[in-house]
Amino acid sequence: MLGVKYLLKDDSRHRQRRIQMVTVVKPPPPPKVKEKPPEPEVKKKEEIINPEPEEMPPEALDDQPPDEAPPREDLGLDADGTAGSDGFGLRANKGGRALIGGGGDSVSLMRRYAWYTRMVQDELSKRMKRHMEENGGIPDGDLKTMIQIRLDEYGKIVEYRLTRSSGNSKMDDAVVSALKLATIDEPPPRGMPRTIKLKISAKG
C-alpha cells in the first residue's frame, strides 16, 4: 500500500505542466454603412406666360395716363367727295395706302384714334359742303389736294396749310374756308399726334 502511494505521488511530482496557447482572433469590425447621399433638389421649371395684348375700346383711352413722350408720327387721313353725296368722307388708308410712316404702328394709331378723326371728318365735311353749295357746287373734274393741320390741346385748329393745291381755286377755297371755320367739340385724346395730314379728293 505504501509503495503504490509513493509511486503515484512521485509520478505526479514529475508530471510536466503543459501550457496550451490559445490564439484569440479579434473579430473583424462590422462593415461601414455608407450614408445615402441627399437627393438633389428638383428645380421646378418656371413657365412665363405672356398675356396677349387686348384691344382697348376708344372710350377707355381717356382714362390712360399720358405718355412720357408723344408719338412723333403724323396722323394721316384721306377724304373723298363726290357730286350728290352728303359731303366729304374722310377715310384712313384709302386704297390700302397709309399716309403716315411706321407700318403696323400706323395702322394701330389709325384704329386707336379713329373715333376722334371721325369728329374731324364730320366737321370738315359739313364746312366744305356748305361752302360749295353756296358757291355753285362741287367743281367739275377729278380734283385732289393735300393739307396739313395742327391741333392745340383743346382741339382748335391753330395751324394749317395746303401742301399740294388741287389746281382749282374753288376747290382750294372750299378747303381753306372749312379749315378756318372748323371747330372740334372735344380736345384730342392724350397721346394722339397733334399734326394731321389729309388728302382730299372730289369728283364733280
N, C-alpha and C. Protein backbone atom coordinates (compact mmCIF):
# COMPACT_ATOMS: atom_id res chain seq x y z
N MET A 1 0.84 -1.20 0.00
CA MET A 1 0.00 0.00 0.00
C MET A 1 0.87 1.24 0.00
N LEU A 2 1.95 1.23 0.75
CA LEU A 2 2.80 2.40 0.83
C LEU A 2 3.54 2.62 -0.48
N GLY A 3 4.04 1.57 -1.11
CA GLY A 3 4.76 1.70 -2.37
C GLY A 3 3.90 2.23 -3.48
N VAL A 4 2.78 1.83 -3.45
CA VAL A 4 1.87 2.29 -4.52
C VAL A 4 1.61 3.79 -4.36
N LYS A 5 1.42 4.15 -3.18
CA LYS A 5 1.17 5.56 -2.93
C LYS A 5 2.37 6.41 -3.30
N TYR A 6 3.58 5.87 -3.03
CA TYR A 6 4.80 6.61 -3.33
C TYR A 6 4.96 6.82 -4.82
N LEU A 7 4.74 5.76 -5.50
CA LEU A 7 4.89 5.85 -6.95
C LEU A 7 3.89 6.84 -7.53
N LEU A 8 2.73 6.75 -7.00
CA LEU A 8 1.72 7.67 -7.53
C LEU A 8 2.07 9.11 -7.20
N LYS A 9 2.58 9.25 -6.03
CA LYS A 9 2.94 10.59 -5.62
C LYS A 9 4.14 11.09 -6.38
N ASP A 10 5.14 10.19 -6.53
CA ASP A 10 6.35 10.58 -7.25
C ASP A 10 6.05 10.87 -8.71
N ASP A 11 5.13 10.13 -9.23
CA ASP A 11 4.79 10.32 -10.65
C ASP A 11 4.11 11.67 -10.86
N SER A 12 3.30 12.00 -9.91
CA SER A 12 2.59 13.28 -10.06
C SER A 12 3.51 14.46 -9.86
N ARG A 13 4.63 14.25 -9.12
CA ARG A 13 5.56 15.36 -8.90
C ARG A 13 6.31 15.70 -10.17
N HIS A 14 6.68 14.66 -10.91
CA HIS A 14 7.43 14.89 -12.15
C HIS A 14 6.55 15.12 -13.37
N ARG A 15 5.27 15.25 -13.13
CA ARG A 15 4.38 15.47 -14.27
C ARG A 15 4.62 16.87 -14.81
N GLN A 16 4.88 16.93 -16.06
CA GLN A 16 5.14 18.23 -16.73
C GLN A 16 3.83 18.97 -16.99
N ARG A 17 3.94 20.22 -16.70
CA ARG A 17 2.77 21.06 -16.97
C ARG A 17 2.84 21.58 -18.40
N ARG A 18 1.85 21.37 -19.06
CA ARG A 18 1.75 21.84 -20.45
C ARG A 18 0.80 23.05 -20.52
N ILE A 19 1.36 24.06 -21.11
CA ILE A 19 0.54 25.29 -21.27
C ILE A 19 0.08 25.37 -22.73
N GLN A 20 -1.13 25.33 -22.87
CA GLN A 20 -1.69 25.37 -24.22
C GLN A 20 -1.95 26.83 -24.59
N MET A 21 -1.34 27.22 -25.68
CA MET A 21 -1.50 28.60 -26.17
C MET A 21 -2.76 28.67 -27.05
N VAL A 22 -3.60 29.53 -26.68
CA VAL A 22 -4.84 29.73 -27.45
C VAL A 22 -4.80 31.13 -28.08
N THR A 23 -4.82 31.12 -29.34
CA THR A 23 -4.81 32.42 -30.05
C THR A 23 -6.25 32.91 -30.24
N VAL A 24 -6.45 34.05 -29.68
CA VAL A 24 -7.80 34.64 -29.79
C VAL A 24 -7.81 35.59 -30.99
N VAL A 25 -8.58 35.24 -31.94
CA VAL A 25 -8.68 36.07 -33.16
C VAL A 25 -9.73 37.15 -32.95
N LYS A 26 -9.27 38.39 -33.12
CA LYS A 26 -10.20 39.52 -32.95
C LYS A 26 -11.19 39.55 -34.12
N PRO A 27 -12.43 39.55 -33.81
CA PRO A 27 -13.41 39.55 -34.92
C PRO A 27 -13.28 40.84 -35.76
N PRO A 28 -13.50 40.71 -37.04
CA PRO A 28 -13.40 41.90 -37.90
C PRO A 28 -14.47 42.93 -37.53
N PRO A 29 -14.13 44.18 -37.73
CA PRO A 29 -15.12 45.24 -37.41
C PRO A 29 -16.33 45.13 -38.33
N PRO A 30 -17.43 45.53 -37.85
CA PRO A 30 -18.64 45.48 -38.71
C PRO A 30 -18.47 46.39 -39.93
N PRO A 31 -19.00 45.98 -41.04
CA PRO A 31 -18.85 46.81 -42.25
C PRO A 31 -19.49 48.18 -42.05
N LYS A 32 -18.79 49.16 -42.62
CA LYS A 32 -19.31 50.53 -42.52
C LYS A 32 -20.53 50.70 -43.43
N VAL A 33 -21.52 51.28 -42.85
CA VAL A 33 -22.73 51.53 -43.63
C VAL A 33 -22.58 52.87 -44.33
N LYS A 34 -22.60 52.81 -45.65
CA LYS A 34 -22.46 54.06 -46.42
C LYS A 34 -23.73 54.90 -46.28
N GLU A 35 -23.48 56.15 -45.95
CA GLU A 35 -24.62 57.05 -45.82
C GLU A 35 -25.19 57.37 -47.19
N LYS A 36 -26.50 57.35 -47.30
CA LYS A 36 -27.17 57.65 -48.56
C LYS A 36 -27.07 59.15 -48.84
N PRO A 37 -26.51 59.48 -49.98
CA PRO A 37 -26.38 60.93 -50.27
C PRO A 37 -27.75 61.57 -50.38
N PRO A 38 -27.83 62.83 -49.97
CA PRO A 38 -29.15 63.51 -50.07
C PRO A 38 -29.59 63.63 -51.52
N GLU A 39 -30.87 63.48 -51.71
CA GLU A 39 -31.41 63.58 -53.06
C GLU A 39 -31.33 65.03 -53.55
N PRO A 40 -30.88 65.21 -54.78
CA PRO A 40 -30.78 66.59 -55.29
C PRO A 40 -32.16 67.22 -55.40
N GLU A 41 -32.18 68.52 -55.10
CA GLU A 41 -33.45 69.23 -55.20
C GLU A 41 -33.86 69.37 -56.65
N VAL A 42 -35.08 69.04 -56.89
CA VAL A 42 -35.60 69.14 -58.26
C VAL A 42 -36.15 70.54 -58.44
N LYS A 43 -35.49 71.29 -59.30
CA LYS A 43 -35.93 72.66 -59.56
C LYS A 43 -37.09 72.65 -60.54
N LYS A 44 -38.17 73.26 -60.12
CA LYS A 44 -39.32 73.33 -60.99
C LYS A 44 -39.09 74.37 -62.07
N LYS A 45 -39.36 73.98 -63.28
CA LYS A 45 -39.21 74.89 -64.41
C LYS A 45 -40.35 75.89 -64.40
N GLU A 46 -39.97 77.16 -64.28
CA GLU A 46 -40.98 78.19 -64.24
C GLU A 46 -41.39 78.58 -65.65
N GLU A 47 -42.65 78.59 -65.89
CA GLU A 47 -43.17 78.99 -67.20
C GLU A 47 -43.65 80.42 -67.13
N ILE A 48 -43.14 81.23 -68.03
CA ILE A 48 -43.54 82.62 -68.10
C ILE A 48 -44.60 82.76 -69.18
N ILE A 49 -45.75 83.16 -68.78
CA ILE A 49 -46.86 83.30 -69.71
C ILE A 49 -47.03 84.77 -70.04
N ASN A 50 -46.84 85.06 -71.28
CA ASN A 50 -47.02 86.43 -71.73
C ASN A 50 -48.46 86.62 -72.18
N PRO A 51 -49.18 87.41 -71.46
CA PRO A 51 -50.57 87.60 -71.89
C PRO A 51 -50.64 88.31 -73.22
N GLU A 52 -51.61 87.94 -74.01
CA GLU A 52 -51.78 88.60 -75.29
C GLU A 52 -52.38 89.98 -75.06
N PRO A 53 -51.89 90.95 -75.83
CA PRO A 53 -52.44 92.29 -75.65
C PRO A 53 -53.91 92.34 -76.04
N GLU A 54 -54.67 93.07 -75.25
CA GLU A 54 -56.08 93.20 -75.54
C GLU A 54 -56.35 94.57 -76.13
N GLU A 55 -57.23 94.60 -77.08
CA GLU A 55 -57.60 95.87 -77.67
C GLU A 55 -58.49 96.63 -76.70
N MET A 56 -58.16 97.89 -76.52
CA MET A 56 -58.89 98.72 -75.58
C MET A 56 -59.93 99.54 -76.32
N PRO A 57 -61.16 99.58 -75.83
CA PRO A 57 -62.18 100.40 -76.50
C PRO A 57 -61.78 101.86 -76.49
N PRO A 58 -62.17 102.61 -77.52
CA PRO A 58 -61.76 104.01 -77.63
C PRO A 58 -62.14 104.84 -76.42
N GLU A 59 -63.33 104.58 -75.81
CA GLU A 59 -63.76 105.42 -74.70
C GLU A 59 -62.89 105.24 -73.47
N ALA A 60 -62.13 104.14 -73.41
CA ALA A 60 -61.27 103.91 -72.24
C ALA A 60 -59.93 104.58 -72.38
N LEU A 61 -59.63 105.13 -73.53
CA LEU A 61 -58.31 105.73 -73.74
C LEU A 61 -58.13 107.01 -72.94
N ASP A 62 -59.23 107.74 -72.72
CA ASP A 62 -59.10 108.99 -71.99
C ASP A 62 -58.67 108.78 -70.55
N ASP A 63 -58.89 107.59 -70.02
CA ASP A 63 -58.52 107.30 -68.64
C ASP A 63 -57.07 106.91 -68.49
N GLN A 64 -56.37 106.75 -69.59
CA GLN A 64 -54.99 106.31 -69.53
C GLN A 64 -54.08 107.48 -69.21
N PRO A 65 -52.98 107.25 -68.44
CA PRO A 65 -52.04 108.34 -68.15
C PRO A 65 -51.33 108.76 -69.41
N PRO A 66 -50.88 110.02 -69.48
CA PRO A 66 -50.19 110.49 -70.68
C PRO A 66 -48.87 109.79 -70.86
N ASP A 67 -48.46 109.62 -72.10
CA ASP A 67 -47.18 109.00 -72.38
C ASP A 67 -46.07 109.96 -72.00
N GLU A 68 -44.88 109.39 -71.74
CA GLU A 68 -43.74 110.22 -71.39
C GLU A 68 -43.36 111.13 -72.55
N ALA A 69 -43.43 110.63 -73.75
CA ALA A 69 -43.14 111.43 -74.92
C ALA A 69 -44.21 111.17 -75.96
N PRO A 70 -44.79 112.21 -76.55
CA PRO A 70 -45.84 111.99 -77.56
C PRO A 70 -45.26 111.35 -78.79
N PRO A 71 -46.06 110.56 -79.52
CA PRO A 71 -45.58 109.92 -80.73
C PRO A 71 -45.12 110.96 -81.74
N ARG A 72 -44.12 110.61 -82.51
CA ARG A 72 -43.59 111.54 -83.50
C ARG A 72 -44.33 111.48 -84.82
N GLU A 73 -45.07 110.40 -85.04
CA GLU A 73 -45.72 110.24 -86.32
C GLU A 73 -46.85 111.24 -86.48
N ASP A 74 -47.10 111.62 -87.72
CA ASP A 74 -48.28 112.41 -88.05
C ASP A 74 -49.42 111.46 -88.36
N LEU A 75 -50.61 111.93 -88.11
CA LEU A 75 -51.79 111.12 -88.38
C LEU A 75 -52.32 111.50 -89.74
N GLY A 76 -52.47 110.51 -90.62
CA GLY A 76 -52.87 110.79 -91.99
C GLY A 76 -54.25 110.28 -92.30
N LEU A 77 -54.99 111.03 -93.07
CA LEU A 77 -56.33 110.63 -93.48
C LEU A 77 -56.48 110.91 -94.97
N ASP A 78 -57.44 110.24 -95.57
CA ASP A 78 -57.86 110.56 -96.93
C ASP A 78 -59.28 111.08 -96.86
N ALA A 79 -59.65 111.90 -97.81
CA ALA A 79 -61.02 112.40 -97.87
C ALA A 79 -61.52 112.31 -99.29
N ASP A 80 -62.75 111.87 -99.44
CA ASP A 80 -63.39 111.77 -100.75
C ASP A 80 -64.65 112.62 -100.77
N GLY A 81 -64.94 113.19 -101.90
CA GLY A 81 -66.20 113.90 -102.06
C GLY A 81 -66.68 113.73 -103.49
N THR A 82 -67.93 113.39 -103.66
CA THR A 82 -68.49 113.23 -105.00
C THR A 82 -69.78 114.01 -105.09
N ALA A 83 -70.13 114.38 -106.31
CA ALA A 83 -71.37 115.13 -106.51
C ALA A 83 -72.56 114.31 -106.05
N GLY A 84 -73.47 114.96 -105.33
CA GLY A 84 -74.66 114.28 -104.86
C GLY A 84 -74.46 113.55 -103.55
N SER A 85 -73.28 113.55 -103.02
CA SER A 85 -73.06 112.87 -101.74
C SER A 85 -73.36 113.83 -100.60
N ASP A 86 -73.35 113.29 -99.38
CA ASP A 86 -73.64 114.13 -98.23
C ASP A 86 -72.45 115.01 -97.85
N GLY A 87 -71.29 114.71 -98.35
CA GLY A 87 -70.13 115.51 -98.01
C GLY A 87 -68.86 114.79 -98.35
N PHE A 88 -67.81 115.18 -97.70
CA PHE A 88 -66.50 114.59 -97.94
C PHE A 88 -66.23 113.58 -96.84
N GLY A 89 -66.20 112.32 -97.19
CA GLY A 89 -65.96 111.28 -96.19
C GLY A 89 -64.47 111.04 -96.02
N LEU A 90 -63.97 111.27 -94.82
CA LEU A 90 -62.54 111.06 -94.56
C LEU A 90 -62.32 109.60 -94.23
N ARG A 91 -61.33 109.01 -94.85
CA ARG A 91 -61.07 107.59 -94.64
C ARG A 91 -59.60 107.37 -94.35
N ALA A 92 -59.33 106.47 -93.42
CA ALA A 92 -57.94 106.12 -93.13
C ALA A 92 -57.44 105.12 -94.16
N ASN A 93 -56.23 105.35 -94.65
CA ASN A 93 -55.58 104.39 -95.54
C ASN A 93 -56.43 104.08 -96.77
N LYS A 94 -56.84 105.08 -97.48
CA LYS A 94 -57.66 104.88 -98.67
C LYS A 94 -56.89 104.04 -99.68
N GLY A 95 -57.53 102.99 -100.18
CA GLY A 95 -56.87 102.14 -101.15
C GLY A 95 -55.74 101.33 -100.56
N GLY A 96 -55.72 101.19 -99.25
CA GLY A 96 -54.67 100.40 -98.61
C GLY A 96 -53.35 101.13 -98.47
N ARG A 97 -53.33 102.44 -98.76
CA ARG A 97 -52.07 103.18 -98.69
C ARG A 97 -52.10 104.10 -97.48
N ALA A 98 -51.09 103.98 -96.64
CA ALA A 98 -51.05 104.79 -95.43
C ALA A 98 -50.34 106.11 -95.72
N LEU A 99 -50.81 107.16 -95.08
CA LEU A 99 -50.17 108.46 -95.21
C LEU A 99 -49.16 108.71 -94.11
N ILE A 100 -49.12 107.85 -93.11
CA ILE A 100 -48.15 108.01 -92.04
C ILE A 100 -47.20 106.83 -92.06
N GLY A 101 -45.97 107.07 -91.69
CA GLY A 101 -44.97 106.00 -91.73
C GLY A 101 -45.05 105.12 -90.51
N GLY A 102 -44.41 103.93 -90.59
CA GLY A 102 -44.33 103.08 -89.43
C GLY A 102 -44.98 101.74 -89.56
N GLY A 103 -45.50 101.38 -90.74
CA GLY A 103 -46.05 100.04 -90.94
C GLY A 103 -47.20 99.75 -90.02
N GLY A 104 -47.04 98.66 -89.22
CA GLY A 104 -48.11 98.23 -88.33
C GLY A 104 -48.46 99.27 -87.29
N ASP A 105 -47.46 100.10 -86.87
CA ASP A 105 -47.75 101.14 -85.90
C ASP A 105 -48.73 102.16 -86.46
N SER A 106 -48.63 102.42 -87.75
CA SER A 106 -49.53 103.38 -88.37
C SER A 106 -50.97 102.88 -88.29
N VAL A 107 -51.16 101.62 -88.62
CA VAL A 107 -52.50 101.04 -88.57
C VAL A 107 -53.03 101.10 -87.14
N SER A 108 -52.16 100.82 -86.19
CA SER A 108 -52.57 100.86 -84.78
C SER A 108 -53.00 102.26 -84.37
N LEU A 109 -52.24 103.26 -84.82
CA LEU A 109 -52.60 104.64 -84.50
C LEU A 109 -53.96 105.01 -85.09
N MET A 110 -54.17 104.61 -86.34
CA MET A 110 -55.41 104.95 -87.01
C MET A 110 -56.61 104.32 -86.30
N ARG A 111 -56.44 103.09 -85.87
CA ARG A 111 -57.54 102.41 -85.18
C ARG A 111 -57.79 103.02 -83.81
N ARG A 112 -56.71 103.36 -83.13
CA ARG A 112 -56.85 103.85 -81.76
C ARG A 112 -57.58 105.19 -81.72
N TYR A 113 -57.29 106.05 -82.68
CA TYR A 113 -57.87 107.39 -82.65
C TYR A 113 -58.93 107.59 -83.73
N ALA A 114 -59.49 106.49 -84.23
CA ALA A 114 -60.49 106.58 -85.29
C ALA A 114 -61.71 107.38 -84.85
N TRP A 115 -62.11 107.22 -83.60
CA TRP A 115 -63.30 107.91 -83.11
C TRP A 115 -63.11 109.43 -83.16
N TYR A 116 -61.88 109.87 -82.90
CA TYR A 116 -61.64 111.32 -82.92
C TYR A 116 -61.51 111.84 -84.35
N THR A 117 -60.86 111.06 -85.20
CA THR A 117 -60.73 111.50 -86.59
C THR A 117 -62.10 111.56 -87.28
N ARG A 118 -63.04 110.76 -86.80
CA ARG A 118 -64.40 110.85 -87.35
C ARG A 118 -65.04 112.20 -87.00
N MET A 119 -64.70 112.72 -85.83
CA MET A 119 -65.19 114.05 -85.46
C MET A 119 -64.62 115.11 -86.39
N VAL A 120 -63.32 114.98 -86.69
CA VAL A 120 -62.70 115.91 -87.62
C VAL A 120 -63.35 115.78 -88.99
N GLN A 121 -63.61 114.53 -89.38
CA GLN A 121 -64.26 114.25 -90.66
C GLN A 121 -65.61 114.96 -90.76
N ASP A 122 -66.44 114.79 -89.74
CA ASP A 122 -67.78 115.36 -89.79
C ASP A 122 -67.74 116.89 -89.87
N GLU A 123 -66.84 117.47 -89.09
CA GLU A 123 -66.76 118.94 -89.07
C GLU A 123 -66.29 119.50 -90.41
N LEU A 124 -65.21 118.93 -90.95
CA LEU A 124 -64.70 119.44 -92.23
C LEU A 124 -65.68 119.16 -93.37
N SER A 125 -66.32 117.99 -93.34
CA SER A 125 -67.29 117.67 -94.39
C SER A 125 -68.44 118.67 -94.39
N LYS A 126 -68.91 119.00 -93.20
CA LYS A 126 -70.03 119.95 -93.08
C LYS A 126 -69.63 121.32 -93.62
N ARG A 127 -68.43 121.77 -93.25
CA ARG A 127 -67.99 123.10 -93.67
C ARG A 127 -67.74 123.17 -95.18
N MET A 128 -67.13 122.15 -95.73
CA MET A 128 -66.83 122.15 -97.16
C MET A 128 -68.11 122.04 -97.99
N LYS A 129 -69.02 121.20 -97.53
CA LYS A 129 -70.28 121.02 -98.25
C LYS A 129 -71.06 122.34 -98.29
N ARG A 130 -71.10 123.02 -97.16
CA ARG A 130 -71.84 124.29 -97.10
C ARG A 130 -71.20 125.33 -98.01
N HIS A 131 -69.87 125.41 -97.98
CA HIS A 131 -69.19 126.40 -98.82
C HIS A 131 -69.43 126.12 -100.30
N MET A 132 -69.37 124.87 -100.70
CA MET A 132 -69.54 124.55 -102.12
C MET A 132 -70.98 124.74 -102.58
N GLU A 133 -71.94 124.46 -101.70
CA GLU A 133 -73.34 124.69 -102.05
C GLU A 133 -73.61 126.18 -102.26
N GLU A 134 -72.92 127.00 -101.50
CA GLU A 134 -73.11 128.44 -101.62
C GLU A 134 -72.33 129.03 -102.79
N ASN A 135 -71.46 128.23 -103.39
CA ASN A 135 -70.60 128.74 -104.46
C ASN A 135 -70.66 127.86 -105.71
N GLY A 136 -71.81 127.34 -106.02
CA GLY A 136 -72.00 126.65 -107.29
C GLY A 136 -71.79 125.16 -107.26
N GLY A 137 -71.64 124.55 -106.11
CA GLY A 137 -71.49 123.10 -106.02
C GLY A 137 -70.05 122.63 -106.22
N ILE A 138 -69.87 121.32 -106.26
CA ILE A 138 -68.54 120.73 -106.40
C ILE A 138 -68.04 120.99 -107.82
N PRO A 139 -66.83 121.49 -107.97
CA PRO A 139 -66.30 121.77 -109.30
C PRO A 139 -66.19 120.49 -110.13
N ASP A 140 -66.24 120.67 -111.45
CA ASP A 140 -66.10 119.52 -112.35
C ASP A 140 -64.66 119.00 -112.32
N GLY A 141 -64.55 117.70 -112.61
CA GLY A 141 -63.23 117.10 -112.71
C GLY A 141 -62.87 116.29 -111.48
N ASP A 142 -61.76 115.59 -111.62
CA ASP A 142 -61.22 114.78 -110.52
C ASP A 142 -60.16 115.61 -109.82
N LEU A 143 -60.50 116.21 -108.70
CA LEU A 143 -59.62 117.16 -108.02
C LEU A 143 -59.07 116.55 -106.73
N LYS A 144 -57.82 116.83 -106.49
CA LYS A 144 -57.17 116.32 -105.27
C LYS A 144 -56.30 117.41 -104.67
N THR A 145 -56.33 117.47 -103.36
CA THR A 145 -55.49 118.43 -102.65
C THR A 145 -54.96 117.79 -101.37
N MET A 146 -53.83 118.28 -100.93
CA MET A 146 -53.22 117.78 -99.69
C MET A 146 -53.11 118.93 -98.71
N ILE A 147 -53.51 118.69 -97.47
CA ILE A 147 -53.40 119.72 -96.44
C ILE A 147 -52.79 119.12 -95.18
N GLN A 148 -52.33 120.00 -94.33
CA GLN A 148 -51.79 119.58 -93.03
C GLN A 148 -52.32 120.54 -91.98
N ILE A 149 -52.84 119.99 -90.89
CA ILE A 149 -53.36 120.82 -89.81
C ILE A 149 -52.70 120.42 -88.50
N ARG A 150 -52.71 121.37 -87.58
CA ARG A 150 -52.17 121.10 -86.25
C ARG A 150 -53.19 121.57 -85.22
N LEU A 151 -53.48 120.71 -84.27
CA LEU A 151 -54.47 121.00 -83.23
C LEU A 151 -53.77 121.39 -81.94
N ASP A 152 -54.44 122.25 -81.16
CA ASP A 152 -53.92 122.51 -79.82
C ASP A 152 -54.55 121.51 -78.86
N GLU A 153 -54.29 121.70 -77.58
CA GLU A 153 -54.77 120.73 -76.59
C GLU A 153 -56.28 120.76 -76.42
N TYR A 154 -56.92 121.79 -76.96
CA TYR A 154 -58.38 121.90 -76.84
C TYR A 154 -59.10 121.44 -78.11
N GLY A 155 -58.35 121.08 -79.14
CA GLY A 155 -58.96 120.63 -80.38
C GLY A 155 -59.14 121.73 -81.40
N LYS A 156 -58.64 122.92 -81.12
CA LYS A 156 -58.74 124.02 -82.07
C LYS A 156 -57.64 123.90 -83.12
N ILE A 157 -58.01 124.16 -84.39
CA ILE A 157 -57.01 124.14 -85.46
C ILE A 157 -56.20 125.44 -85.37
N VAL A 158 -54.96 125.32 -84.94
CA VAL A 158 -54.12 126.50 -84.74
C VAL A 158 -53.18 126.74 -85.92
N GLU A 159 -53.07 125.76 -86.78
CA GLU A 159 -52.18 125.93 -87.94
C GLU A 159 -52.66 125.02 -89.06
N TYR A 160 -52.62 125.52 -90.27
CA TYR A 160 -52.99 124.70 -91.42
C TYR A 160 -52.29 125.24 -92.66
N ARG A 161 -52.12 124.38 -93.63
CA ARG A 161 -51.53 124.81 -94.89
C ARG A 161 -51.85 123.77 -95.96
N LEU A 162 -51.93 124.26 -97.19
CA LEU A 162 -52.10 123.37 -98.33
C LEU A 162 -50.71 122.91 -98.77
N THR A 163 -50.46 121.64 -98.63
CA THR A 163 -49.16 121.11 -99.06
C THR A 163 -49.16 120.78 -100.55
N ARG A 164 -50.35 120.65 -101.13
CA ARG A 164 -50.47 120.46 -102.58
C ARG A 164 -51.81 121.00 -103.04
N SER A 165 -51.77 121.92 -103.98
CA SER A 165 -53.01 122.51 -104.49
C SER A 165 -53.72 121.53 -105.42
N SER A 166 -55.04 121.69 -105.48
CA SER A 166 -55.83 120.86 -106.39
C SER A 166 -55.75 121.39 -107.82
N GLY A 167 -55.28 122.62 -107.97
CA GLY A 167 -55.27 123.25 -109.30
C GLY A 167 -56.57 123.93 -109.63
N ASN A 168 -57.53 123.90 -108.71
CA ASN A 168 -58.83 124.54 -108.91
C ASN A 168 -59.06 125.48 -107.73
N SER A 169 -59.25 126.74 -108.04
CA SER A 169 -59.38 127.74 -106.98
C SER A 169 -60.62 127.51 -106.12
N LYS A 170 -61.72 127.08 -106.74
CA LYS A 170 -62.95 126.84 -105.97
C LYS A 170 -62.75 125.70 -104.97
N MET A 171 -62.05 124.68 -105.40
CA MET A 171 -61.77 123.55 -104.51
C MET A 171 -60.87 123.99 -103.36
N ASP A 172 -59.81 124.71 -103.69
CA ASP A 172 -58.88 125.15 -102.65
C ASP A 172 -59.56 126.13 -101.69
N ASP A 173 -60.40 127.02 -102.22
CA ASP A 173 -61.10 127.97 -101.36
C ASP A 173 -62.05 127.26 -100.39
N ALA A 174 -62.69 126.21 -100.87
CA ALA A 174 -63.61 125.46 -100.01
C ALA A 174 -62.85 124.79 -98.87
N VAL A 175 -61.68 124.27 -99.18
CA VAL A 175 -60.87 123.62 -98.15
C VAL A 175 -60.40 124.64 -97.12
N VAL A 176 -59.89 125.78 -97.58
CA VAL A 176 -59.40 126.80 -96.67
C VAL A 176 -60.53 127.36 -95.81
N SER A 177 -61.69 127.56 -96.41
CA SER A 177 -62.84 128.06 -95.66
C SER A 177 -63.25 127.08 -94.56
N ALA A 178 -63.25 125.80 -94.89
CA ALA A 178 -63.61 124.79 -93.90
C ALA A 178 -62.62 124.77 -92.75
N LEU A 179 -61.35 124.94 -93.06
CA LEU A 179 -60.33 124.92 -92.02
C LEU A 179 -60.43 126.14 -91.11
N LYS A 180 -60.80 127.28 -91.67
CA LYS A 180 -60.93 128.49 -90.87
C LYS A 180 -62.10 128.42 -89.91
N LEU A 181 -63.18 127.81 -90.35
CA LEU A 181 -64.42 127.80 -89.57
C LEU A 181 -64.60 126.55 -88.71
N ALA A 182 -63.79 125.55 -88.95
CA ALA A 182 -63.99 124.27 -88.25
C ALA A 182 -63.74 124.42 -86.75
N THR A 183 -64.61 123.81 -85.97
CA THR A 183 -64.45 123.75 -84.51
C THR A 183 -64.73 122.32 -84.06
N ILE A 184 -63.79 121.74 -83.39
CA ILE A 184 -63.93 120.37 -82.89
C ILE A 184 -64.48 120.43 -81.47
N ASP A 185 -65.50 119.65 -81.19
CA ASP A 185 -66.19 119.74 -79.91
C ASP A 185 -65.36 119.22 -78.73
N GLU A 186 -64.45 118.33 -78.98
CA GLU A 186 -63.68 117.73 -77.89
C GLU A 186 -62.19 117.89 -78.15
N PRO A 187 -61.39 117.97 -77.07
CA PRO A 187 -59.93 118.02 -77.25
C PRO A 187 -59.41 116.68 -77.72
N PRO A 188 -58.27 116.66 -78.38
CA PRO A 188 -57.72 115.38 -78.83
C PRO A 188 -57.32 114.52 -77.64
N PRO A 189 -57.44 113.22 -77.75
CA PRO A 189 -57.06 112.34 -76.64
C PRO A 189 -55.57 112.41 -76.37
N ARG A 190 -55.22 112.15 -75.14
CA ARG A 190 -53.81 112.17 -74.76
C ARG A 190 -53.04 111.10 -75.52
N GLY A 191 -51.89 111.51 -76.03
CA GLY A 191 -51.05 110.57 -76.78
C GLY A 191 -51.28 110.61 -78.27
N MET A 192 -52.33 111.27 -78.72
CA MET A 192 -52.61 111.34 -80.15
C MET A 192 -51.73 112.40 -80.79
N PRO A 193 -51.16 112.11 -81.97
CA PRO A 193 -50.38 113.13 -82.68
C PRO A 193 -51.25 114.34 -82.98
N ARG A 194 -50.70 115.53 -82.75
CA ARG A 194 -51.47 116.76 -82.96
C ARG A 194 -51.47 117.20 -84.42
N THR A 195 -50.49 116.76 -85.18
CA THR A 195 -50.42 117.13 -86.59
C THR A 195 -51.10 116.06 -87.43
N ILE A 196 -52.04 116.49 -88.24
CA ILE A 196 -52.82 115.57 -89.07
C ILE A 196 -52.67 115.96 -90.53
N LYS A 197 -52.35 114.99 -91.36
CA LYS A 197 -52.26 115.21 -92.80
C LYS A 197 -53.49 114.63 -93.47
N LEU A 198 -54.06 115.40 -94.39
CA LEU A 198 -55.27 114.96 -95.07
C LEU A 198 -55.10 115.06 -96.58
N LYS A 199 -55.60 114.06 -97.25
CA LYS A 199 -55.69 114.09 -98.71
C LYS A 199 -57.16 114.15 -99.06
N ILE A 200 -57.55 115.21 -99.75
CA ILE A 200 -58.96 115.42 -100.07
C ILE A 200 -59.14 115.36 -101.58
N SER A 201 -60.08 114.56 -102.01
CA SER A 201 -60.37 114.45 -103.44
C SER A 201 -61.86 114.64 -103.67
N ALA A 202 -62.18 115.21 -104.81
CA ALA A 202 -63.58 115.47 -105.14
C ALA A 202 -63.79 115.25 -106.63
N LYS A 203 -64.91 114.64 -106.96
CA LYS A 203 -65.27 114.44 -108.37
C LYS A 203 -66.62 115.10 -108.61
N GLY A 204 -66.62 116.07 -109.52
CA GLY A 204 -67.84 116.78 -109.80
C GLY A 204 -68.46 116.36 -111.12
